[in-house]
Amino acid sequence: MVNIRRFKESDATAVAKLSNQNSEFFQFPDVTPLFLQRFVNHPKFQMFVAEDKGVLMGFCGVNFENPEEAELGPICVRKDKRSAGLGKKTVLHTLRFLEPKKPKRVIIKVKVSNTGGQEFFKKLGFKASGNELSCCGEPALLMSRDYGR
């Protein structure tokens, strides 16, 4: 049974490993446990992990520093667990977390090369709303979804 819960510092090594195994999808190509511990201790950021019997299956973070607009990411599911609803479950859990914060919209930046990620977010109601460059200089599609107030 998959359990989704808040990230704990003890998750940092497993999350960094999963992130680095899927680095082609992320803005930050080399994530360390120390980086994660600093990142997730920010008061306007929350990360959730999906685990099964204590084994990390995926994660989803959200930055809600801007009261008008929350930004999802990073998001990842183990390759052998994709297309089984785990990513959707984790993202929806994260969106429910945002309810009391009442952002007007939620955004996600998806690398242009990540067409699977774009399709995933379209199924969750996100629409293309612009283009940006990732911090590594790679083109990214900005996708957004109205959240409502």
Foldseek 3Di string as FASTA:
>chain_A
DKDKDWDDLVCLQVQQVQCCVVQVWDLDNHGHSVNVVVVCVPPQKTKMFIDDPPHTFWMKMWGCPDLQEIEIDDTDGPPVCPPVCPRVVRVVVVLVVCVVSFHQKYKYKTFPVPVVVVVVVVVVVWDFDDWDARPVRGIITIIMHGDGD
